[in-house]
Every structure is written in C-alpha cells, then in structure tokens.
Protein backbone atom coordinates (compact mmCIF):
# COMPACT_ATOMS: atom_id res chain seq x y z
CA MET A 1 0.00 0.00 0.00
CA ARG A 2 1.34 3.41 -0.89
CA LEU A 3 1.97 6.14 1.66
CA LYS A 4 -0.75 8.26 0.03
CA ASN A 5 -3.38 5.56 0.66
CA ILE A 6 -2.27 5.04 4.26
CA MET A 7 -2.23 8.74 5.13
CA SER A 8 -5.56 9.42 3.39
CA ASN A 9 -7.16 6.52 5.22
CA TYR A 10 -5.74 7.68 8.54
CA ALA A 11 -6.98 11.25 8.00
CA ASP A 12 -10.42 9.89 7.04
CA TYR A 13 -10.36 7.71 10.18
CA ASN A 14 -9.66 10.80 12.29
CA LEU A 15 -12.74 12.53 10.87
CA TRP A 16 -14.85 9.39 11.36
CA VAL A 17 -13.73 8.83 14.96
CA ASN A 18 -14.35 12.45 15.93
CA GLN A 19 -17.82 12.16 14.37
CA GLN A 20 -18.41 9.03 16.48
CA PHE A 21 -17.45 10.96 19.61
CA VAL A 22 -19.70 13.90 18.73
CA ASN A 23 -22.60 11.50 18.05
CA TRP A 24 -21.91 9.74 21.37
CA LEU A 25 -21.56 12.88 23.48
CA SER A 26 -24.12 15.24 21.88
CA PRO A 27 -27.13 13.84 23.76
CA LYS A 28 -25.30 13.90 27.11
CA SER A 29 -26.20 16.62 29.60
CA ASP A 30 -24.06 19.70 30.11
CA GLU A 31 -23.80 18.63 33.74
CA LEU A 32 -21.92 15.50 32.67
CA LEU A 33 -19.87 17.07 29.87
CA TYR A 34 -18.67 19.88 32.12
CA ALA A 35 -18.24 17.74 35.25
CA GLU A 36 -14.79 18.11 36.84
CA VAL A 37 -12.80 14.86 36.54
CA PRO A 38 -9.10 14.42 37.36
CA SER A 39 -7.30 14.14 34.00
CA SER A 40 -5.01 16.15 31.71
CA PHE A 41 -7.93 18.54 31.23
CA SER A 42 -10.58 18.85 33.89
CA THR A 43 -13.71 18.25 31.78
CA ILE A 44 -14.73 16.29 28.72
CA MET A 45 -15.46 19.54 26.86
CA LYS A 46 -12.05 21.01 27.73
CA THR A 47 -10.45 17.83 26.41
CA LEU A 48 -12.43 18.00 23.15
CA ASP A 49 -11.48 21.66 22.78
CA HIS A 50 -7.83 20.73 23.29
CA ILE A 51 -8.05 18.06 20.56
CA TRP A 52 -9.59 20.67 18.24
CA SER A 53 -6.97 23.32 19.07
CA THR A 54 -4.15 20.85 18.55
CA GLU A 55 -5.60 19.75 15.19
CA GLU A 56 -5.67 23.40 14.16
CA TYR A 57 -2.03 23.86 15.20
CA TRP A 58 -0.85 20.79 13.27
CA PHE A 59 -2.97 21.74 10.25
CA SER A 60 -1.16 25.08 10.15
CA VAL A 61 2.18 23.20 10.25
CA ILE A 62 1.21 20.65 7.59
CA SER A 63 -0.37 23.22 5.27
CA GLU A 64 2.29 25.84 6.03
CA THR A 65 -0.38 28.44 6.77
CA SER A 66 -0.93 30.78 9.68
CA LEU A 67 -2.66 29.44 12.76
CA LEU A 68 -6.11 30.99 12.96
CA GLU A 69 -7.22 32.51 16.24
CA LYS A 70 -10.10 30.76 17.97
CA LYS A 71 -12.17 31.60 20.99
CA LEU A 72 -11.30 30.17 24.36
CA GLU A 73 -13.17 27.02 25.37
CA SER A 74 -14.93 28.94 28.12
CA GLU A 75 -16.46 31.25 25.49
CA LEU A 76 -17.83 28.42 23.34
CA SER A 77 -20.97 26.31 23.59
CA LYS A 78 -20.69 22.54 23.40
CA GLU A 79 -22.28 22.73 19.93
CA GLU A 80 -19.56 25.15 18.79
CA ILE A 81 -16.85 22.85 20.13
CA PHE A 82 -18.42 19.81 18.43
CA SER A 83 -18.80 21.71 15.16
CA GLY A 84 -15.30 23.21 15.36
CA LEU A 85 -13.71 19.81 15.95
CA LEU A 86 -15.57 18.23 13.04
CA ASN A 87 -14.81 21.13 10.70
CA SER A 88 -11.14 20.94 11.66
CA SER A 89 -11.03 17.18 11.07
CA LYS A 90 -12.76 17.58 7.70
CA LYS A 91 -10.34 20.33 6.67
CA LEU A 92 -7.40 18.13 7.67
CA ALA A 93 -8.77 15.09 5.80
CA ASP A 94 -9.54 17.13 2.68
CA PHE A 95 -6.05 18.61 2.72
CA ILE A 96 -4.30 15.27 3.21
CA ASN A 97 -6.45 13.68 0.50
CA SER A 98 -5.39 16.45 -1.91
CA LEU A 99 -1.66 15.78 -1.42
CA SER A 100 0.51 13.65 -3.65
CA GLU A 101 2.89 10.95 -2.48
CA GLU A 102 5.71 13.46 -2.96
CA ASP A 103 3.91 16.10 -0.90
CA LEU A 104 3.54 13.66 1.99
CA VAL A 105 7.30 13.10 2.25
CA LYS A 106 8.12 16.81 2.01
CA LYS A 107 9.87 17.97 5.16
CA VAL A 108 8.53 20.96 7.07
CA LYS A 109 10.63 22.75 9.66
CA ILE A 110 9.08 23.70 12.99
CA ILE A 111 10.65 26.18 15.38
CA ASN A 112 8.61 26.95 18.46
CA PRO A 113 9.30 27.54 22.17
CA TRP A 114 9.04 23.82 23.03
CA PHE A 115 11.00 22.06 20.28
CA GLU A 116 12.62 22.32 16.89
CA CYS A 117 12.37 19.66 14.18
CA GLU A 118 12.13 19.04 10.47
CA LEU A 119 10.06 15.99 9.58
CA PRO A 120 7.89 14.84 6.68
CA ILE A 121 4.26 15.94 6.56
CA SER A 122 3.25 12.29 7.00
CA ASP A 123 5.00 12.16 10.38
CA TYR A 124 3.15 15.27 11.54
CA LEU A 125 -0.14 13.72 10.45
CA LEU A 126 0.63 10.64 12.53
CA GLN A 127 1.42 12.96 15.45
CA VAL A 128 -1.86 14.88 15.34
CA ILE A 129 -4.04 11.79 14.96
CA ASN A 130 -2.19 9.83 17.66
CA HIS A 131 -2.52 12.86 19.93
CA GLY A 132 -6.29 12.88 19.39
CA THR A 133 -6.44 9.14 20.06
CA TYR A 134 -4.62 9.61 23.35
CA HIS A 135 -7.09 12.24 24.53
CA ARG A 136 -10.16 10.39 23.24
CA GLY A 137 -9.02 7.49 25.42
CA GLN A 138 -8.96 9.88 28.34
CA ILE A 139 -12.48 11.03 27.48
CA VAL A 140 -13.76 7.44 27.58
CA THR A 141 -12.13 6.98 31.00
CA MET A 142 -13.46 10.33 32.23
CA GLY A 143 -16.92 9.32 31.03
CA ARG A 144 -16.74 6.00 32.88
CA ASN A 145 -15.83 7.88 36.06
CA ILE A 146 -19.02 9.95 35.85
CA GLY A 147 -21.36 7.19 34.64
CA ILE A 148 -21.15 7.50 30.85
CA THR A 149 -20.46 3.89 29.88
CA ASP A 150 -21.93 3.61 26.38
CA ALA A 151 -18.92 4.57 24.24
CA SER A 152 -18.74 2.68 20.96
CA ASN A 153 -15.72 0.95 19.48
CA THR A 154 -13.56 3.52 17.70
CA ASP A 155 -10.37 1.55 17.12
CA TYR A 156 -8.63 2.09 13.79
CA ASN A 157 -9.06 -1.58 12.89
CA PHE A 158 -12.80 -1.38 13.65
CA TYR A 159 -13.02 1.65 11.31
CA ASN A 160 -11.32 -0.33 8.54
CA VAL A 161 -13.67 -3.29 9.02
CA VAL A 162 -16.78 -1.07 9.08
CA LYS A 163 -15.57 0.83 6.01
CA THR A 164 -15.13 -2.36 3.97
CA GLN A 165 -18.65 -3.52 4.88
CA GLN A 166 -20.30 -0.37 3.53
C-alpha cells in the first residue's frame, strides 16, 4: 500500500472517529460534559477543545499556513466545540487527500518555544491523529468515572472493518 493511501485513510479515520465521539456525546447533559474529573484537562469539553486546538495547530504546520485565532473554550458552547472539531477534522482530511505521495514526504521545519524539528508531513499527520487518540481514550475513562459507559468501538481496525462492509 502506498503512503498516500495510508495517510488518506488515517486522516479519514480521524474525521470518522471524531464524528463518532460527537454523536456519542451530543445527547449527554451539560452537567456530565462539564463535570470536573481528574485528567489532563478537567472536563470532557475542555479535552475536546484541546483536541480541536491541537488539530488546528498541526494543520497550520502541515499546510504551512498561519494558525487561525479561535475563541477560548470557556467562550464556546458545546455545539460550537463539536462543530469546530468536526470542521477541523474535515479540513485536515480534505487537505491530506489532496496531497501527492511526494507532498507527503516533504519535510517541514518547525521552530517553536518547546522544540525544533524538520520531519515529513506524513509524520506530523501521525502525530496529530495519535494525539487525538490519546485524549479520546482519556475522554472514555473520564466518562466512565461519571457514569457514561456507552462509548462505541472507535479503534482504527474497527473503522477499517466497518468501512469495507459499507
């Protein structure tokens, strides 16, 4: 399988999995979604906002565009956070799907206050999606701690199986 196919599938998975989380969490009460739970971020909504913000950062790196300003999580409704995350994931998937094999191996230099590196776009895509996976796992655990136990299977392999059955 070519790198282009792998990266496109992974970007499409990221959009799908974030849609699964929005579908799962949308009917939950604000009381649950904003409940304080010990974790990297103190609420499910703060964690989703962090995933969204991080996707926006890595999109700006991958696309070599300026990072757009966004409102603070405390200024956004849950619907705006859900919508923002899905729009960001769609934008990322569309961009990755538009790239050629050569584009995906192009190195992009990052210099910021925390680190400096120069890696291929494909490595940065793996970073952003793995980062989201890490925090979605936290969200499932946070949910279990406050009584939300109906999360669906969102593993990458499950996505691939479901996709082939459609």
